[in-house]
């Protein structure tokens, strides 16, 4: 059976935590590419949650607006940290501070998502719909650009001219 939304998001969280542990290790020579893989994972995960999970919570779950707003606030806090991570290099003095900031944001984000938001959504929509949401989430993530470009509002909108 394909993974549902809960399983996909939990898997993303495991990958992100693993990358955070690797990039935080000062003995690793590959911290720069790991930091950019972490950036890609966090950005696509964030974009997919913003486009799938939070609208579903707002539209379907009683009290879901408050839940979604809390989750989205976590992502709003993360965005400047991702910008700092993209601009940082392991040779920079501030690199480890940026990594610690990202780790703190992730550590604060994961428990409410896995223990509160996703169970609240599943309680209302059921297992079958969680499978469908998982398929949409996975498809969306697969088709997002890498890095900060995957975040909503990252790219400038179209330019309209009048003739």
N, C-alpha and C. Protein backbone atom coordinates (compact mmCIF):
# COMPACT_ATOMS: atom_id res chain seq x y z
N UNK A 1 0.85 -1.18 0.00
CA UNK A 1 0.00 0.00 0.00
C UNK A 1 0.90 1.25 0.00
N UNK A 2 0.54 2.26 -0.78
CA UNK A 2 1.34 3.49 -0.81
C UNK A 2 1.26 4.22 0.53
N UNK A 3 2.25 5.03 0.81
CA UNK A 3 2.23 5.76 2.09
C UNK A 3 1.17 6.86 2.10
N UNK A 4 0.62 7.10 3.29
CA UNK A 4 -0.36 8.18 3.42
C UNK A 4 0.37 9.46 3.80
N UNK A 5 -0.40 10.53 3.96
CA UNK A 5 0.17 11.83 4.26
C UNK A 5 1.00 11.80 5.54
N UNK A 6 0.50 11.15 6.56
CA UNK A 6 1.22 11.07 7.84
C UNK A 6 2.56 10.39 7.67
N UNK A 7 2.57 9.27 6.95
CA UNK A 7 3.81 8.53 6.76
C UNK A 7 4.83 9.34 5.94
N UNK A 8 4.35 10.03 4.91
CA UNK A 8 5.25 10.83 4.08
C UNK A 8 5.86 11.99 4.86
N UNK A 9 5.05 12.67 5.62
CA UNK A 9 5.56 13.80 6.40
C UNK A 9 6.51 13.31 7.49
N UNK A 10 6.17 12.20 8.15
CA UNK A 10 7.06 11.64 9.17
C UNK A 10 8.40 11.21 8.55
N UNK A 11 8.35 10.65 7.36
CA UNK A 11 9.58 10.27 6.66
C UNK A 11 10.42 11.51 6.35
N UNK A 12 9.77 12.56 5.85
CA UNK A 12 10.49 13.82 5.61
C UNK A 12 11.18 14.29 6.88
N UNK A 13 10.47 14.23 7.99
CA UNK A 13 11.03 14.68 9.26
C UNK A 13 12.27 13.85 9.64
N UNK A 14 12.22 12.54 9.40
CA UNK A 14 13.38 11.68 9.69
C UNK A 14 14.57 12.06 8.82
N UNK A 15 14.32 12.28 7.53
CA UNK A 15 15.39 12.67 6.60
C UNK A 15 16.00 14.00 7.04
N UNK A 16 15.14 14.95 7.38
CA UNK A 16 15.61 16.27 7.79
C UNK A 16 16.43 16.18 9.07
N UNK A 17 15.97 15.41 10.04
CA UNK A 17 16.74 15.26 11.29
C UNK A 17 18.09 14.60 11.03
N UNK A 18 18.11 13.62 10.14
CA UNK A 18 19.36 12.94 9.80
C UNK A 18 20.34 13.91 9.14
N UNK A 19 19.85 14.72 8.21
CA UNK A 19 20.69 15.72 7.55
C UNK A 19 21.18 16.77 8.55
N UNK A 20 20.31 17.17 9.46
CA UNK A 20 20.73 18.13 10.49
C UNK A 20 21.86 17.57 11.35
N UNK A 21 21.75 16.31 11.73
CA UNK A 21 22.80 15.69 12.54
C UNK A 21 24.11 15.65 11.76
N UNK A 22 24.04 15.34 10.48
CA UNK A 22 25.25 15.27 9.66
C UNK A 22 25.88 16.65 9.48
N UNK A 23 25.08 17.65 9.19
CA UNK A 23 25.63 18.98 8.94
C UNK A 23 26.15 19.62 10.23
N UNK A 24 25.65 19.17 11.36
CA UNK A 24 26.10 19.73 12.65
C UNK A 24 27.42 19.12 13.11
N UNK A 25 27.86 18.06 12.46
CA UNK A 25 29.10 17.39 12.85
C UNK A 25 30.30 18.14 12.27
N UNK A 26 31.06 18.84 13.11
CA UNK A 26 32.17 19.65 12.61
C UNK A 26 33.31 18.83 12.01
N UNK A 27 33.33 17.54 12.24
CA UNK A 27 34.38 16.67 11.71
C UNK A 27 34.13 16.25 10.26
N UNK A 28 32.93 16.46 9.77
CA UNK A 28 32.60 16.04 8.40
C UNK A 28 33.15 17.04 7.39
N UNK A 29 33.76 16.52 6.35
CA UNK A 29 34.30 17.37 5.29
C UNK A 29 33.23 17.74 4.27
N UNK A 30 32.08 17.05 4.31
CA UNK A 30 31.03 17.25 3.30
C UNK A 30 29.87 18.09 3.83
N UNK A 31 30.13 18.96 4.77
CA UNK A 31 29.06 19.76 5.38
C UNK A 31 28.39 20.71 4.39
N UNK A 32 29.14 21.26 3.45
CA UNK A 32 28.57 22.20 2.49
C UNK A 32 27.51 21.52 1.61
N UNK A 33 27.82 20.40 0.95
CA UNK A 33 26.76 19.76 0.15
C UNK A 33 25.60 19.24 1.00
N UNK A 34 25.90 18.80 2.21
CA UNK A 34 24.82 18.34 3.09
C UNK A 34 23.92 19.51 3.45
N UNK A 35 24.50 20.67 3.71
CA UNK A 35 23.69 21.85 4.04
C UNK A 35 22.75 22.19 2.90
N UNK A 36 23.22 22.05 1.67
CA UNK A 36 22.35 22.37 0.54
C UNK A 36 21.31 21.28 0.29
N UNK A 37 21.64 20.04 0.60
CA UNK A 37 20.62 18.98 0.53
C UNK A 37 19.57 19.23 1.61
N UNK A 38 20.00 19.63 2.80
CA UNK A 38 19.08 19.97 3.89
C UNK A 38 18.18 21.12 3.47
N UNK A 39 18.76 22.13 2.86
CA UNK A 39 17.98 23.27 2.38
C UNK A 39 16.91 22.81 1.38
N UNK A 40 17.29 21.97 0.43
CA UNK A 40 16.33 21.45 -0.55
C UNK A 40 15.21 20.67 0.14
N UNK A 41 15.59 19.78 1.05
CA UNK A 41 14.59 18.96 1.76
C UNK A 41 13.63 19.82 2.57
N UNK A 42 14.18 20.76 3.32
CA UNK A 42 13.33 21.62 4.15
C UNK A 42 12.42 22.51 3.31
N UNK A 43 12.96 23.04 2.23
CA UNK A 43 12.16 23.94 1.40
C UNK A 43 11.03 23.20 0.70
N UNK A 44 11.31 22.04 0.12
CA UNK A 44 10.23 21.31 -0.56
C UNK A 44 9.22 20.77 0.45
N UNK A 45 9.70 20.32 1.59
CA UNK A 45 8.79 19.85 2.65
C UNK A 45 7.88 20.98 3.11
N UNK A 46 8.47 22.14 3.35
CA UNK A 46 7.70 23.30 3.79
C UNK A 46 6.67 23.69 2.75
N UNK A 47 7.08 23.77 1.50
CA UNK A 47 6.16 24.15 0.43
C UNK A 47 5.00 23.16 0.32
N UNK A 48 5.30 21.88 0.42
CA UNK A 48 4.24 20.87 0.32
C UNK A 48 3.29 20.94 1.51
N UNK A 49 3.81 21.13 2.71
CA UNK A 49 2.93 21.29 3.87
C UNK A 49 2.05 22.53 3.72
N UNK A 50 2.65 23.62 3.27
CA UNK A 50 1.89 24.87 3.11
C UNK A 50 0.77 24.72 2.08
N UNK A 51 0.97 23.88 1.08
CA UNK A 51 0.00 23.75 0.01
C UNK A 51 -0.98 22.59 0.20
N UNK A 52 -0.64 21.62 1.04
CA UNK A 52 -1.51 20.45 1.23
C UNK A 52 -2.07 20.38 2.65
N UNK A 53 -1.20 20.31 3.64
CA UNK A 53 -1.63 20.08 5.02
C UNK A 53 -2.43 21.24 5.58
N UNK A 54 -1.89 22.44 5.52
CA UNK A 54 -2.54 23.57 6.17
C UNK A 54 -3.88 23.95 5.54
N UNK A 55 -4.01 23.95 4.23
CA UNK A 55 -5.34 24.21 3.67
C UNK A 55 -6.36 23.14 4.07
N UNK A 56 -5.92 21.88 4.12
CA UNK A 56 -6.84 20.81 4.54
C UNK A 56 -7.29 21.03 5.98
N UNK A 57 -6.36 21.38 6.84
CA UNK A 57 -6.72 21.65 8.24
C UNK A 57 -7.72 22.81 8.33
N UNK A 58 -7.42 23.89 7.63
CA UNK A 58 -8.28 25.08 7.68
C UNK A 58 -9.69 24.79 7.16
N UNK A 59 -9.76 24.03 6.08
CA UNK A 59 -11.04 23.81 5.40
C UNK A 59 -11.88 22.70 5.98
N UNK A 60 -11.26 21.74 6.65
CA UNK A 60 -11.97 20.51 7.02
C UNK A 60 -12.09 20.29 8.52
N UNK A 61 -11.03 20.57 9.26
CA UNK A 61 -10.97 20.18 10.67
C UNK A 61 -11.59 21.27 11.55
N UNK A 62 -12.53 20.91 12.42
CA UNK A 62 -13.03 21.90 13.38
C UNK A 62 -11.87 22.42 14.25
N UNK A 63 -11.73 23.73 14.32
CA UNK A 63 -10.61 24.33 15.04
C UNK A 63 -9.32 24.29 14.24
N UNK A 64 -9.42 23.87 13.00
CA UNK A 64 -8.23 23.69 12.16
C UNK A 64 -7.55 24.98 11.77
N UNK A 65 -8.29 26.09 11.77
CA UNK A 65 -7.67 27.37 11.40
C UNK A 65 -6.56 27.70 12.40
N UNK A 66 -6.83 27.53 13.67
CA UNK A 66 -5.83 27.82 14.69
C UNK A 66 -4.65 26.86 14.58
N UNK A 67 -4.93 25.57 14.32
CA UNK A 67 -3.86 24.59 14.15
C UNK A 67 -2.97 24.96 12.96
N UNK A 68 -3.61 25.27 11.84
CA UNK A 68 -2.87 25.60 10.63
C UNK A 68 -2.05 26.89 10.83
N UNK A 69 -2.63 27.85 11.50
CA UNK A 69 -1.91 29.10 11.74
C UNK A 69 -0.67 28.87 12.58
N UNK A 70 -0.78 27.99 13.57
CA UNK A 70 0.40 27.67 14.40
C UNK A 70 1.49 27.01 13.57
N UNK A 71 1.08 26.06 12.74
CA UNK A 71 2.05 25.37 11.89
C UNK A 71 2.69 26.31 10.89
N UNK A 72 1.88 27.19 10.32
CA UNK A 72 2.41 28.12 9.34
C UNK A 72 3.36 29.12 10.00
N UNK A 73 3.10 29.50 11.24
CA UNK A 73 4.00 30.39 11.96
C UNK A 73 5.38 29.74 12.11
N UNK A 74 5.40 28.41 12.34
CA UNK A 74 6.68 27.69 12.41
C UNK A 74 7.45 27.87 11.10
N UNK A 75 6.74 27.73 10.00
CA UNK A 75 7.39 27.85 8.69
C UNK A 75 7.84 29.29 8.42
N UNK A 76 7.06 30.25 8.89
CA UNK A 76 7.46 31.65 8.71
C UNK A 76 8.75 31.94 9.48
N UNK A 77 8.91 31.32 10.62
CA UNK A 77 10.13 31.45 11.42
C UNK A 77 11.31 30.79 10.72
N UNK A 78 11.04 29.71 10.01
CA UNK A 78 12.09 28.94 9.36
C UNK A 78 12.64 29.63 8.11
N UNK A 79 11.81 30.37 7.39
CA UNK A 79 12.24 30.96 6.11
C UNK A 79 13.53 31.77 6.22
N UNK A 80 13.65 32.74 7.15
CA UNK A 80 14.92 33.49 7.22
C UNK A 80 16.11 32.62 7.59
N UNK A 81 15.86 31.55 8.34
CA UNK A 81 16.95 30.63 8.67
C UNK A 81 17.40 29.88 7.42
N UNK A 82 16.47 29.53 6.54
CA UNK A 82 16.83 28.86 5.30
C UNK A 82 17.62 29.79 4.39
N UNK A 83 17.25 31.06 4.36
CA UNK A 83 18.01 32.04 3.58
C UNK A 83 19.43 32.13 4.14
N UNK A 84 19.55 32.19 5.45
CA UNK A 84 20.88 32.26 6.08
C UNK A 84 21.68 30.98 5.80
N UNK A 85 21.02 29.83 5.81
CA UNK A 85 21.70 28.57 5.52
C UNK A 85 22.20 28.55 4.08
N UNK A 86 21.39 29.04 3.16
CA UNK A 86 21.81 29.08 1.76
C UNK A 86 23.04 29.96 1.57
N UNK A 87 23.13 31.01 2.33
CA UNK A 87 24.22 31.97 2.18
C UNK A 87 25.46 31.61 3.01
N UNK A 88 25.31 30.67 3.92
CA UNK A 88 26.40 30.32 4.83
C UNK A 88 27.32 29.25 4.21
N UNK A 89 28.49 29.17 4.76
CA UNK A 89 29.47 28.16 4.38
C UNK A 89 30.09 27.62 5.66
N UNK A 90 30.42 26.33 5.69
CA UNK A 90 30.99 25.76 6.91
C UNK A 90 32.25 26.47 7.41
N UNK A 91 32.93 27.18 6.53
CA UNK A 91 34.11 27.93 6.97
C UNK A 91 33.75 29.25 7.66
N UNK A 92 32.50 29.68 7.54
CA UNK A 92 32.04 30.91 8.17
C UNK A 92 31.84 30.70 9.67
N UNK A 93 32.16 31.71 10.43
CA UNK A 93 32.00 31.63 11.88
C UNK A 93 30.55 31.41 12.29
N UNK A 94 29.61 31.96 11.52
CA UNK A 94 28.19 31.89 11.89
C UNK A 94 27.50 30.62 11.42
N UNK A 95 28.19 29.77 10.66
CA UNK A 95 27.55 28.59 10.09
C UNK A 95 26.91 27.71 11.16
N UNK A 96 27.66 27.40 12.21
CA UNK A 96 27.13 26.52 13.26
C UNK A 96 25.94 27.15 13.97
N UNK A 97 25.95 28.47 14.13
CA UNK A 97 24.80 29.15 14.73
C UNK A 97 23.57 29.02 13.85
N UNK A 98 23.75 29.14 12.54
CA UNK A 98 22.63 28.98 11.61
C UNK A 98 22.08 27.57 11.70
N UNK A 99 22.97 26.59 11.71
CA UNK A 99 22.54 25.18 11.80
C UNK A 99 21.79 24.94 13.10
N UNK A 100 22.29 25.49 14.21
CA UNK A 100 21.59 25.33 15.49
C UNK A 100 20.21 25.99 15.45
N UNK A 101 20.11 27.14 14.80
CA UNK A 101 18.82 27.81 14.66
C UNK A 101 17.83 26.99 13.84
N UNK A 102 18.31 26.41 12.75
CA UNK A 102 17.45 25.54 11.93
C UNK A 102 17.02 24.33 12.75
N UNK A 103 17.95 23.73 13.46
CA UNK A 103 17.64 22.55 14.28
C UNK A 103 16.59 22.88 15.34
N UNK A 104 16.72 24.02 15.99
CA UNK A 104 15.75 24.42 17.01
C UNK A 104 14.37 24.62 16.39
N UNK A 105 14.32 25.24 15.22
CA UNK A 105 13.03 25.45 14.55
C UNK A 105 12.40 24.12 14.16
N UNK A 106 13.20 23.21 13.65
CA UNK A 106 12.70 21.89 13.26
C UNK A 106 12.23 21.11 14.49
N UNK A 107 13.02 21.15 15.55
CA UNK A 107 12.65 20.43 16.78
C UNK A 107 11.34 20.95 17.37
N UNK A 108 11.07 22.24 17.21
CA UNK A 108 9.82 22.79 17.70
C UNK A 108 8.64 22.52 16.78
N UNK A 109 8.93 22.25 15.53
CA UNK A 109 7.89 22.05 14.52
C UNK A 109 7.37 20.61 14.47
N UNK A 110 8.25 19.65 14.59
CA UNK A 110 7.87 18.25 14.34
C UNK A 110 6.84 17.70 15.33
N UNK A 111 7.02 17.83 16.64
CA UNK A 111 6.03 17.21 17.54
C UNK A 111 4.58 17.66 17.32
N UNK A 112 4.29 18.95 17.18
CA UNK A 112 2.89 19.31 16.95
C UNK A 112 2.34 18.76 15.63
N UNK A 113 3.17 18.71 14.60
CA UNK A 113 2.71 18.18 13.32
C UNK A 113 2.35 16.71 13.46
N UNK A 114 3.27 15.93 14.00
CA UNK A 114 3.07 14.48 14.07
C UNK A 114 2.09 14.06 15.16
N UNK A 115 2.03 14.80 16.25
CA UNK A 115 1.22 14.37 17.40
C UNK A 115 -0.14 15.06 17.50
N UNK A 116 -0.31 16.16 16.76
CA UNK A 116 -1.55 16.92 16.89
C UNK A 116 -2.22 17.19 15.55
N UNK A 117 -1.51 17.84 14.64
CA UNK A 117 -2.14 18.28 13.39
C UNK A 117 -2.54 17.12 12.49
N UNK A 118 -1.60 16.22 12.22
CA UNK A 118 -1.92 15.09 11.35
C UNK A 118 -2.99 14.18 11.96
N UNK A 119 -2.91 13.83 13.25
CA UNK A 119 -3.99 13.02 13.83
C UNK A 119 -5.35 13.72 13.78
N UNK A 120 -5.37 15.05 13.96
CA UNK A 120 -6.64 15.79 13.89
C UNK A 120 -7.22 15.71 12.48
N UNK A 121 -6.38 15.83 11.48
CA UNK A 121 -6.85 15.73 10.11
C UNK A 121 -7.35 14.33 9.80
N UNK A 122 -6.58 13.32 10.17
CA UNK A 122 -6.99 11.94 9.89
C UNK A 122 -8.29 11.58 10.61
N UNK A 123 -8.49 12.09 11.81
CA UNK A 123 -9.73 11.80 12.54
C UNK A 123 -10.95 12.29 11.79
N UNK A 124 -10.80 13.34 11.02
CA UNK A 124 -11.93 13.91 10.28
C UNK A 124 -12.07 13.30 8.89
N UNK A 125 -10.96 13.12 8.19
CA UNK A 125 -11.05 12.69 6.78
C UNK A 125 -10.95 11.19 6.59
N UNK A 126 -10.37 10.48 7.54
CA UNK A 126 -10.24 9.03 7.42
C UNK A 126 -9.00 8.59 6.66
N UNK A 127 -8.72 7.29 6.76
CA UNK A 127 -7.50 6.73 6.20
C UNK A 127 -7.46 6.82 4.67
N UNK A 128 -8.56 6.60 4.02
CA UNK A 128 -8.58 6.65 2.56
C UNK A 128 -8.21 8.01 2.02
N UNK A 129 -8.76 9.04 2.62
CA UNK A 129 -8.43 10.40 2.18
C UNK A 129 -7.00 10.79 2.54
N UNK A 130 -6.48 10.22 3.62
CA UNK A 130 -5.07 10.48 3.96
C UNK A 130 -4.15 9.87 2.90
N UNK A 131 -4.56 8.73 2.33
CA UNK A 131 -3.80 8.14 1.23
C UNK A 131 -3.82 9.06 0.01
N UNK A 132 -5.00 9.59 -0.30
CA UNK A 132 -5.12 10.50 -1.44
C UNK A 132 -4.31 11.77 -1.21
N UNK A 133 -4.39 12.33 -0.02
CA UNK A 133 -3.59 13.51 0.29
C UNK A 133 -2.09 13.20 0.21
N UNK A 134 -1.72 12.00 0.61
CA UNK A 134 -0.32 11.58 0.51
C UNK A 134 0.14 11.54 -0.94
N UNK A 135 -0.70 11.05 -1.82
CA UNK A 135 -0.35 10.99 -3.24
C UNK A 135 -0.18 12.40 -3.81
N UNK A 136 -1.05 13.31 -3.43
CA UNK A 136 -0.95 14.69 -3.90
C UNK A 136 0.32 15.34 -3.34
N UNK A 137 0.58 15.12 -2.06
CA UNK A 137 1.77 15.66 -1.40
C UNK A 137 3.03 15.18 -2.10
N UNK A 138 3.12 13.87 -2.35
CA UNK A 138 4.31 13.30 -2.99
C UNK A 138 4.48 13.84 -4.40
N UNK A 139 3.41 13.94 -5.14
CA UNK A 139 3.48 14.46 -6.50
C UNK A 139 3.94 15.92 -6.50
N UNK A 140 3.38 16.70 -5.59
CA UNK A 140 3.77 18.10 -5.49
C UNK A 140 5.26 18.22 -5.18
N UNK A 141 5.73 17.48 -4.18
CA UNK A 141 7.15 17.55 -3.81
C UNK A 141 8.05 17.16 -4.98
N UNK A 142 7.64 16.13 -5.72
CA UNK A 142 8.44 15.67 -6.86
C UNK A 142 8.56 16.72 -7.95
N UNK A 143 7.62 17.64 -8.01
CA UNK A 143 7.59 18.61 -9.10
C UNK A 143 8.00 20.02 -8.69
N UNK A 144 8.43 20.19 -7.46
CA UNK A 144 8.88 21.50 -7.00
C UNK A 144 10.33 21.73 -7.40
N UNK A 145 10.69 22.98 -7.67
CA UNK A 145 12.11 23.28 -7.91
C UNK A 145 12.89 23.13 -6.61
N UNK A 146 14.19 23.09 -6.70
CA UNK A 146 15.02 22.94 -5.52
C UNK A 146 15.23 24.26 -4.79
N UNK A 147 15.73 24.14 -3.57
CA UNK A 147 16.11 25.31 -2.79
C UNK A 147 14.96 26.23 -2.46
N UNK A 148 15.30 27.47 -2.22
CA UNK A 148 14.32 28.47 -1.81
C UNK A 148 13.28 28.75 -2.89
N UNK A 149 13.58 28.41 -4.14
CA UNK A 149 12.62 28.63 -5.22
C UNK A 149 11.35 27.81 -5.06
N UNK A 150 11.39 26.75 -4.24
CA UNK A 150 10.20 25.93 -4.04
C UNK A 150 9.20 26.56 -3.08
N UNK A 151 9.64 27.53 -2.30
CA UNK A 151 8.75 28.13 -1.31
C UNK A 151 7.76 29.09 -1.98
N UNK A 152 6.51 29.05 -1.56
CA UNK A 152 5.54 29.99 -2.13
C UNK A 152 6.00 31.42 -1.92
N UNK A 153 5.85 32.21 -2.95
CA UNK A 153 6.24 33.61 -2.87
C UNK A 153 7.71 33.85 -3.11
N UNK A 154 8.47 32.78 -3.39
CA UNK A 154 9.90 32.95 -3.60
C UNK A 154 10.21 33.57 -4.95
N UNK A 155 9.43 33.18 -5.95
CA UNK A 155 9.68 33.71 -7.29
C UNK A 155 8.81 34.93 -7.51
N UNK A 156 9.33 35.91 -8.22
CA UNK A 156 8.50 37.07 -8.50
C UNK A 156 7.32 36.68 -9.40
N UNK A 157 6.23 37.35 -9.21
CA UNK A 157 5.05 37.09 -10.02
C UNK A 157 5.24 37.56 -11.45
N UNK A 158 4.26 37.30 -12.29
CA UNK A 158 4.39 37.73 -13.68
C UNK A 158 4.37 39.26 -13.77
N UNK A 159 5.03 39.76 -14.78
CA UNK A 159 5.06 41.19 -15.04
C UNK A 159 4.05 41.50 -16.13
N UNK A 160 3.15 42.38 -15.84
CA UNK A 160 2.13 42.75 -16.82
C UNK A 160 2.46 44.14 -17.35
N UNK A 161 2.32 44.28 -18.62
CA UNK A 161 2.55 45.59 -19.23
C UNK A 161 1.28 46.02 -19.95
N UNK A 162 1.12 47.28 -20.04
CA UNK A 162 -0.03 47.81 -20.80
C UNK A 162 0.52 48.45 -22.06
N UNK A 163 -0.19 48.28 -23.11
CA UNK A 163 0.32 48.75 -24.40
C UNK A 163 -0.21 50.01 -24.82
